[in-house]
C-alpha atoms as a PDB file:
ATOM      1  CA  UNK A   1      -1.278 -60.908  18.408  1.00  0.00           C
ATOM      2  CA  UNK A   2      -2.248 -57.881  16.605  1.00  0.00           C
ATOM      3  CA  UNK A   3      -2.973 -58.201  12.882  1.00  0.00           C
ATOM      4  CA  UNK A   4      -4.509 -56.127  10.359  1.00  0.00           C
ATOM      5  CA  UNK A   5      -7.750 -57.885  10.775  1.00  0.00           C
ATOM      6  CA  UNK A   6      -7.805 -57.243  14.465  1.00  0.00           C
ATOM      7  CA  UNK A   7      -7.205 -53.408  14.265  1.00  0.00           C
ATOM      8  CA  UNK A   8     -10.686 -51.457  14.221  1.00  0.00           C
ATOM      9  CA  UNK A   9     -11.249 -49.516  10.970  1.00  0.00           C
ATOM     10  CA  UNK A  10     -11.099 -45.646  11.798  1.00  0.00           C
ATOM     11  CA  UNK A  11     -12.335 -43.459   9.299  1.00  0.00           C
ATOM     12  CA  UNK A  12      -9.790 -40.712   8.251  1.00  0.00           C
ATOM     13  CA  UNK A  13     -12.570 -38.338   8.612  1.00  0.00           C
ATOM     14  CA  UNK A  14     -15.416 -39.219  11.027  1.00  0.00           C
ATOM     15  CA  UNK A  15     -18.398 -37.175  10.193  1.00  0.00           C
ATOM     16  CA  UNK A  16     -20.023 -37.667  13.528  1.00  0.00           C
ATOM     17  CA  UNK A  17     -17.210 -35.665  15.334  1.00  0.00           C
ATOM     18  CA  UNK A  18     -17.588 -32.455  13.129  1.00  0.00           C
ATOM     19  CA  UNK A  19     -20.097 -29.816  13.427  1.00  0.00           C
ATOM     20  CA  UNK A  20     -23.205 -29.753  11.083  1.00  0.00           C
ATOM     21  CA  UNK A  21     -22.041 -28.619   7.708  1.00  0.00           C
ATOM     22  CA  UNK A  22     -18.452 -29.407   7.863  1.00  0.00           C
ATOM     23  CA  UNK A  23     -17.279 -31.988   5.414  1.00  0.00           C
ATOM     24  CA  UNK A  24     -13.982 -33.243   4.191  1.00  0.00           C
ATOM     25  CA  UNK A  25     -13.030 -33.624   0.434  1.00  0.00           C
ATOM     26  CA  UNK A  26      -9.815 -35.047  -1.027  1.00  0.00           C
ATOM     27  CA  UNK A  27      -8.133 -33.390  -4.025  1.00  0.00           C
ATOM     28  CA  UNK A  28      -4.850 -34.008  -5.841  1.00  0.00           C
ATOM     29  CA  UNK A  29      -2.076 -31.440  -6.413  1.00  0.00           C
ATOM     30  CA  UNK A  30       0.188 -31.856  -9.447  1.00  0.00           C
ATOM     31  CA  UNK A  31       3.493 -29.953  -9.188  1.00  0.00           C
ATOM     32  CA  UNK A  32       5.307 -29.429 -12.304  1.00  0.00           C
ATOM     33  CA  UNK A  33       9.086 -28.311 -12.257  1.00  0.00           C
ATOM     34  CA  UNK A  34      11.350 -27.806 -15.226  1.00  0.00           C
ATOM     35  CA  UNK A  35      14.730 -25.943 -15.068  1.00  0.00           C
ATOM     36  CA  UNK A  36      17.284 -27.241 -17.639  1.00  0.00           C
ATOM     37  CA  UNK A  37      19.690 -24.403 -16.835  1.00  0.00           C
ATOM     38  CA  UNK A  38      20.865 -22.769 -13.592  1.00  0.00           C
ATOM     39  CA  UNK A  39      18.562 -19.921 -12.183  1.00  0.00           C
ATOM     40  CA  UNK A  40      19.915 -16.566 -11.905  1.00  0.00           C
ATOM     41  CA  UNK A  41      20.162 -15.810  -8.139  1.00  0.00           C
ATOM     42  CA  UNK A  42      18.315 -12.409  -8.743  1.00  0.00           C
ATOM     43  CA  UNK A  43      15.317 -14.263  -9.869  1.00  0.00           C
ATOM     44  CA  UNK A  44      15.513 -17.257  -7.391  1.00  0.00           C
ATOM     45  CA  UNK A  45      12.370 -15.938  -5.632  1.00  0.00           C
ATOM     46  CA  UNK A  46      10.437 -16.776  -8.877  1.00  0.00           C
ATOM     47  CA  UNK A  47      11.762 -20.386  -9.050  1.00  0.00           C
ATOM     48  CA  UNK A  48       9.110 -22.632  -7.992  1.00  0.00           C
ATOM     49  CA  UNK A  49       6.890 -25.344  -9.451  1.00  0.00           C
ATOM     50  CA  UNK A  50       3.713 -24.876 -11.193  1.00  0.00           C
ATOM     51  CA  UNK A  51       0.808 -26.381  -9.190  1.00  0.00           C
ATOM     52  CA  UNK A  52      -2.429 -27.659 -10.645  1.00  0.00           C
ATOM     53  CA  UNK A  53      -5.320 -29.151  -8.645  1.00  0.00           C
ATOM     54  CA  UNK A  54      -7.472 -32.057  -9.590  1.00  0.00           C
ATOM     55  CA  UNK A  55     -10.568 -33.722  -7.943  1.00  0.00           C
ATOM     56  CA  UNK A  56      -9.100 -37.107  -8.780  1.00  0.00           C
ATOM     57  CA  UNK A  57      -5.489 -38.609  -9.547  1.00  0.00           C
ATOM     58  CA  UNK A  58      -4.503 -36.718 -12.707  1.00  0.00           C
ATOM     59  CA  UNK A  59      -3.535 -38.491 -15.811  1.00  0.00           C
ATOM     60  CA  UNK A  60      -1.295 -37.534 -18.591  1.00  0.00           C
ATOM     61  CA  UNK A  61      -4.370 -36.834 -20.744  1.00  0.00           C
ATOM     62  CA  UNK A  62      -5.828 -34.692 -18.213  1.00  0.00           C
ATOM     63  CA  UNK A  63      -2.546 -32.595 -17.915  1.00  0.00           C
ATOM     64  CA  UNK A  64      -2.695 -32.171 -21.707  1.00  0.00           C
ATOM     65  CA  UNK A  65      -6.248 -30.785 -21.431  1.00  0.00           C
ATOM     66  CA  UNK A  66      -5.094 -28.188 -18.995  1.00  0.00           C
ATOM     67  CA  UNK A  67      -2.129 -27.348 -21.198  1.00  0.00           C
ATOM     68  CA  UNK A  68      -4.616 -26.596 -24.016  1.00  0.00           C
ATOM     69  CA  UNK A  69      -6.953 -24.746 -21.960  1.00  0.00           C
ATOM     70  CA  UNK A  70      -4.648 -22.211 -20.437  1.00  0.00           C
ATOM     71  CA  UNK A  71      -2.877 -19.713 -22.600  1.00  0.00           C
ATOM     72  CA  UNK A  72       0.308 -19.554 -20.667  1.00  0.00           C
ATOM     73  CA  UNK A  73       0.868 -23.402 -20.761  1.00  0.00           C
ATOM     74  CA  UNK A  74       1.407 -23.258 -24.465  1.00  0.00           C
ATOM     75  CA  UNK A  75       4.955 -22.189 -23.658  1.00  0.00           C
ATOM     76  CA  UNK A  76       5.657 -25.855 -22.656  1.00  0.00           C
ATOM     77  CA  UNK A  77       5.673 -26.757 -26.155  1.00  0.00           C
ATOM     78  CA  UNK A  78       7.645 -23.983 -27.711  1.00  0.00           C
ATOM     79  CA  UNK A  79      11.399 -23.920 -28.499  1.00  0.00           C
ATOM     80  CA  UNK A  80      13.477 -22.224 -25.624  1.00  0.00           C
ATOM     81  CA  UNK A  81      15.908 -19.499 -25.909  1.00  0.00           C
ATOM     82  CA  UNK A  82      18.619 -21.423 -24.049  1.00  0.00           C
ATOM     83  CA  UNK A  83      18.443 -24.164 -26.802  1.00  0.00           C
ATOM     84  CA  UNK A  84      17.299 -26.943 -24.232  1.00  0.00           C
ATOM     85  CA  UNK A  85      14.386 -29.058 -25.510  1.00  0.00           C
ATOM     86  CA  UNK A  86      10.894 -27.836 -24.490  1.00  0.00           C
ATOM     87  CA  UNK A  87       9.247 -29.392 -21.418  1.00  0.00           C
ATOM     88  CA  UNK A  88       6.661 -31.279 -23.544  1.00  0.00           C
ATOM     89  CA  UNK A  89       9.403 -32.998 -25.381  1.00  0.00           C
ATOM     90  CA  UNK A  90      11.200 -34.179 -21.941  1.00  0.00           C
ATOM     91  CA  UNK A  91       7.772 -35.080 -20.517  1.00  0.00           C
ATOM     92  CA  UNK A  92       7.027 -37.401 -23.357  1.00  0.00           C
ATOM     93  CA  UNK A  93      10.134 -39.479 -22.699  1.00  0.00           C
ATOM     94  CA  UNK A  94       9.221 -39.894 -18.936  1.00  0.00           C
ATOM     95  CA  UNK A  95       6.699 -42.155 -17.052  1.00  0.00           C
ATOM     96  CA  UNK A  96       3.716 -40.265 -15.560  1.00  0.00           C
ATOM     97  CA  UNK A  97       3.271 -40.284 -11.740  1.00  0.00           C
ATOM     98  CA  UNK A  98      -0.086 -42.179 -10.932  1.00  0.00           C
ATOM     99  CA  UNK A  99      -1.158 -42.306  -7.204  1.00  0.00           C
ATOM    100  CA  UNK A 100      -2.061 -46.027  -6.732  1.00  0.00           C
ATOM    101  CA  UNK A 101      -4.691 -47.174  -4.138  1.00  0.00           C
ATOM    102  CA  UNK A 102      -3.327 -46.856  -0.565  1.00  0.00           C
ATOM    103  CA  UNK A 103      -0.768 -44.478  -1.562  1.00  0.00           C
ATOM    104  CA  UNK A 104      -0.893 -40.627  -1.008  1.00  0.00           C
ATOM    105  CA  UNK A 105       1.775 -39.428  -3.485  1.00  0.00           C
ATOM    106  CA  UNK A 106       3.835 -40.257  -6.619  1.00  0.00           C
ATOM    107  CA  UNK A 107       6.851 -38.532  -8.223  1.00  0.00           C
ATOM    108  CA  UNK A 108       9.074 -38.812 -11.225  1.00  0.00           C
ATOM    109  CA  UNK A 109      12.358 -37.086 -11.703  1.00  0.00           C
ATOM    110  CA  UNK A 110      12.904 -35.572 -15.055  1.00  0.00           C
ATOM    111  CA  UNK A 111      16.330 -36.023 -16.759  1.00  0.00           C
ATOM    112  CA  UNK A 112      17.810 -34.824 -20.099  1.00  0.00           C
ATOM    113  CA  UNK A 113      19.575 -36.951 -22.589  1.00  0.00           C
ATOM    114  CA  UNK A 114      22.827 -36.767 -20.594  1.00  0.00           C
ATOM    115  CA  UNK A 115      21.137 -38.106 -17.363  1.00  0.00           C
ATOM    116  CA  UNK A 116      21.245 -34.959 -15.557  1.00  0.00           C
ATOM    117  CA  UNK A 117      18.131 -34.033 -13.526  1.00  0.00           C
ATOM    118  CA  UNK A 118      16.298 -31.108 -14.894  1.00  0.00           C
ATOM    119  CA  UNK A 119      13.001 -31.142 -13.020  1.00  0.00           C
ATOM    120  CA  UNK A 120      10.264 -33.358 -11.477  1.00  0.00           C
ATOM    121  CA  UNK A 121       6.682 -34.194 -11.472  1.00  0.00           C
ATOM    122  CA  UNK A 122       4.956 -34.949  -8.284  1.00  0.00           C
ATOM    123  CA  UNK A 123       1.410 -35.661  -7.331  1.00  0.00           C
ATOM    124  CA  UNK A 124       0.131 -35.397  -3.573  1.00  0.00           C
ATOM    125  CA  UNK A 125      -3.206 -36.159  -2.131  1.00  0.00           C
ATOM    126  CA  UNK A 126      -4.463 -33.206  -0.033  1.00  0.00           C
ATOM    127  CA  UNK A 127      -7.828 -32.524   1.745  1.00  0.00           C
ATOM    128  CA  UNK A 128      -9.843 -29.594   2.052  1.00  0.00           C
ATOM    129  CA  UNK A 129     -12.351 -28.846   4.993  1.00  0.00           C
ATOM    130  CA  UNK A 130     -15.715 -27.316   3.880  1.00  0.00           C
ATOM    131  CA  UNK A 131     -16.616 -25.249   6.761  1.00  0.00           C
ATOM    132  CA  UNK A 132     -19.505 -22.739   7.047  1.00  0.00           C
ATOM    133  CA  UNK A 133     -18.913 -19.185   5.858  1.00  0.00           C
ATOM    134  CA  UNK A 134     -18.579 -16.480   8.435  1.00  0.00           C
ATOM    135  CA  UNK A 135     -19.424 -12.578   8.329  1.00  0.00           C
ATOM    136  CA  UNK A 136     -16.574 -10.242   9.077  1.00  0.00           C
ATOM    137  CA  UNK A 137     -16.905  -6.497   8.994  1.00  0.00           C
ATOM    138  CA  UNK A 138     -14.461  -3.913   7.274  1.00  0.00           C
ATOM    139  CA  UNK A 139     -12.955  -2.202  10.298  1.00  0.00           C
ATOM    140  CA  UNK A 140      -9.785  -0.262   8.821  1.00  0.00           C
ATOM    141  CA  UNK A 141     -11.675   2.848   8.180  1.00  0.00           C
ATOM    142  CA  UNK A 142     -13.124   2.984  11.695  1.00  0.00           C
ATOM    143  CA  UNK A 143      -9.764   2.081  13.155  1.00  0.00           C
ATOM    144  CA  UNK A 144      -8.129   5.082  11.516  1.00  0.00           C
ATOM    145  CA  UNK A 145     -11.133   7.457  12.539  1.00  0.00           C
ATOM    146  CA  UNK A 146     -10.934   6.519  16.156  1.00  0.00           C
ATOM    147  CA  UNK A 147      -7.139   6.382  16.475  1.00  0.00           C
ATOM    148  CA  UNK A 148      -6.898   9.830  14.970  1.00  0.00           C
ATOM    149  CA  UNK A 149      -8.859  11.267  18.021  1.00  0.00           C
ATOM    150  CA  UNK A 150      -6.166   9.896  20.447  1.00  0.00           C
ATOM    151  CA  UNK A 151      -3.272  12.140  21.735  1.00  0.00           C
ATOM    152  CA  UNK A 152      -0.768   9.958  19.969  1.00  0.00           C
ATOM    153  CA  UNK A 153      -2.558   8.762  16.690  1.00  0.00           C
ATOM    154  CA  UNK A 154       0.385   6.998  15.075  1.00  0.00           C
ATOM    155  CA  UNK A 155       1.048   4.834  18.224  1.00  0.00           C
ATOM    156  CA  UNK A 156      -2.591   4.231  18.623  1.00  0.00           C
ATOM    157  CA  UNK A 157      -3.078   3.106  15.007  1.00  0.00           C
ATOM    158  CA  UNK A 158       0.102   0.778  15.393  1.00  0.00           C
ATOM    159  CA  UNK A 159      -1.549  -0.781  18.401  1.00  0.00           C
ATOM    160  CA  UNK A 160      -4.693  -1.443  16.540  1.00  0.00           C
ATOM    161  CA  UNK A 161      -2.767  -2.970  13.637  1.00  0.00           C
ATOM    162  CA  UNK A 162      -1.011  -5.349  16.032  1.00  0.00           C
ATOM    163  CA  UNK A 163      -4.581  -6.338  17.382  1.00  0.00           C
ATOM    164  CA  UNK A 164      -6.238  -6.478  14.174  1.00  0.00           C
ATOM    165  CA  UNK A 165      -6.852 -10.355  14.286  1.00  0.00           C
ATOM    166  CA  UNK A 166      -8.111  -9.976  17.957  1.00  0.00           C
ATOM    167  CA  UNK A 167     -10.726  -7.407  16.884  1.00  0.00           C
ATOM    168  CA  UNK A 168     -11.738  -9.601  14.052  1.00  0.00           C
ATOM    169  CA  UNK A 169     -12.366 -12.648  16.169  1.00  0.00           C
ATOM    170  CA  UNK A 170     -14.409 -10.570  18.598  1.00  0.00           C
ATOM    171  CA  UNK A 171     -16.472  -9.229  15.676  1.00  0.00           C
ATOM    172  CA  UNK A 172     -17.369 -12.547  13.977  1.00  0.00           C
ATOM    173  CA  UNK A 173     -20.868 -12.579  12.828  1.00  0.00           C
ATOM    174  CA  UNK A 174     -21.192  -8.911  12.578  1.00  0.00           C
ATOM    175  CA  UNK A 175     -21.356  -6.964   9.228  1.00  0.00           C
ATOM    176  CA  UNK A 176     -20.274  -3.452   8.160  1.00  0.00           C
ATOM    177  CA  UNK A 177     -23.652  -2.031   9.544  1.00  0.00           C
ATOM    178  CA  UNK A 178     -22.996  -2.980  13.131  1.00  0.00           C
ATOM    179  CA  UNK A 179     -21.065   0.330  13.756  1.00  0.00           C
ATOM    180  CA  UNK A 180     -21.972   0.623  17.381  1.00  0.00           C
ATOM    181  CA  UNK A 181     -20.433  -2.864  18.129  1.00  0.00           C
ATOM    182  CA  UNK A 182     -17.463  -2.268  15.846  1.00  0.00           C
ATOM    183  CA  UNK A 183     -16.569   1.138  17.552  1.00  0.00           C
ATOM    184  CA  UNK A 184     -16.898  -0.344  21.027  1.00  0.00           C
ATOM    185  CA  UNK A 185     -14.513  -3.138  20.315  1.00  0.00           C
ATOM    186  CA  UNK A 186     -11.989  -0.651  18.722  1.00  0.00           C
ATOM    187  CA  UNK A 187     -12.268   1.526  21.793  1.00  0.00           C
ATOM    188  CA  UNK A 188     -11.845  -1.272  24.175  1.00  0.00           C
ATOM    189  CA  UNK A 189      -8.835  -2.339  22.303  1.00  0.00           C
ATOM    190  CA  UNK A 190      -7.377   1.364  22.665  1.00  0.00           C
ATOM    191  CA  UNK A 191      -8.335   1.329  26.468  1.00  0.00           C
ATOM    192  CA  UNK A 192      -6.426  -1.916  26.827  1.00  0.00           C
ATOM    193  CA  UNK A 193      -3.281  -0.346  25.213  1.00  0.00           C
ATOM    194  CA  UNK A 194      -3.611   2.792  27.414  1.00  0.00           C
ATOM    195  CA  UNK A 195      -4.452   5.171  24.558  1.00  0.00           C
ATOM    196  CA  UNK A 196      -8.015   5.923  25.938  1.00  0.00           C
ATOM    197  CA  UNK A 197      -9.415   6.012  29.265  1.00  0.00           C
ATOM    198  CA  UNK A 198     -12.232   3.678  30.189  1.00  0.00           C
ATOM    199  CA  UNK A 199     -15.608   4.889  31.395  1.00  0.00           C
ATOM    200  CA  UNK A 200     -15.404   5.793  35.108  1.00  0.00           C
ATOM    201  CA  UNK A 201     -18.025   3.952  37.136  1.00  0.00           C
ATOM    202  CA  UNK A 202     -20.063   6.197  39.517  1.00  0.00           C
ATOM    203  CA  UNK A 203     -19.869   5.283  43.136  1.00  0.00           C
ATOM    204  CA  UNK A 204     -23.099   3.840  44.395  1.00  0.00           C
ATOM    205  CA  UNK A 205     -24.775   5.720  47.194  1.00  0.00           C
ATOM    206  CA  UNK A 206     -24.869   3.836  50.438  1.00  0.00           C
ATOM    207  CA  UNK A 207     -28.256   2.133  51.161  1.00  0.00           C
ATOM    208  CA  UNK A 208     -29.936   3.441  54.306  1.00  0.00           C
ATOM    209  CA  UNK A 209     -31.692   0.729  56.134  1.00  0.00           C
ATOM    210  CA  UNK A 210     -34.821   1.987  58.058  1.00  0.00           C
ATOM    211  CA  UNK A 211     -35.644  -0.266  60.998  1.00  0.00           C
ATOM    212  CA  UNK A 212     -39.316   0.238  62.010  1.00  0.00           C
ATOM    213  CA  UNK A 213     -39.614   1.088  65.710  1.00  0.00           C
ATOM    214  CA  UNK A 214     -42.207  -1.056  67.561  1.00  0.00           C
END
């Protein structure tokens, strides 16, 4: 019979399977959303929660510190033009979502005095992977310069734009000073697209074998 005691403990991030230098760190994302009145469809693209990141599960006191530190969060306590209560007043009447041990998230729905939902608070545990930095060169200027020499510069540049990430992956570890390598990768990409001709290989001369006469 399988029980919790018989299941082997597996670390969520085994350090021995990662390259040297890569580590995992948890953080907590607090999402704050308050919309007491319907949003104009023209501004629906702006309708999203505010997100704050914390190293540990945030408390109500932590959030108050953030609100005092950031200039734009002072509006949470100011009277609203629509006559609805400010966010700080609604928040004070609700519980605070705390992520308990063995849980990854917590959320609280915000309601007005009539019981209508007007927003929410949610906290989610996330993770960030600390990997090693990489060098990447700036290739846009060189791409435009080389594609301009093609018979169809516009199409050549469009091809380079489509293969931009492909070229960057080939150039990982190089910097802006490696112009010879950068130009070679760009030209190879244009040859692949048929905008430049590859270097023709010279035919090797046949080898003459001299057989000594006895």
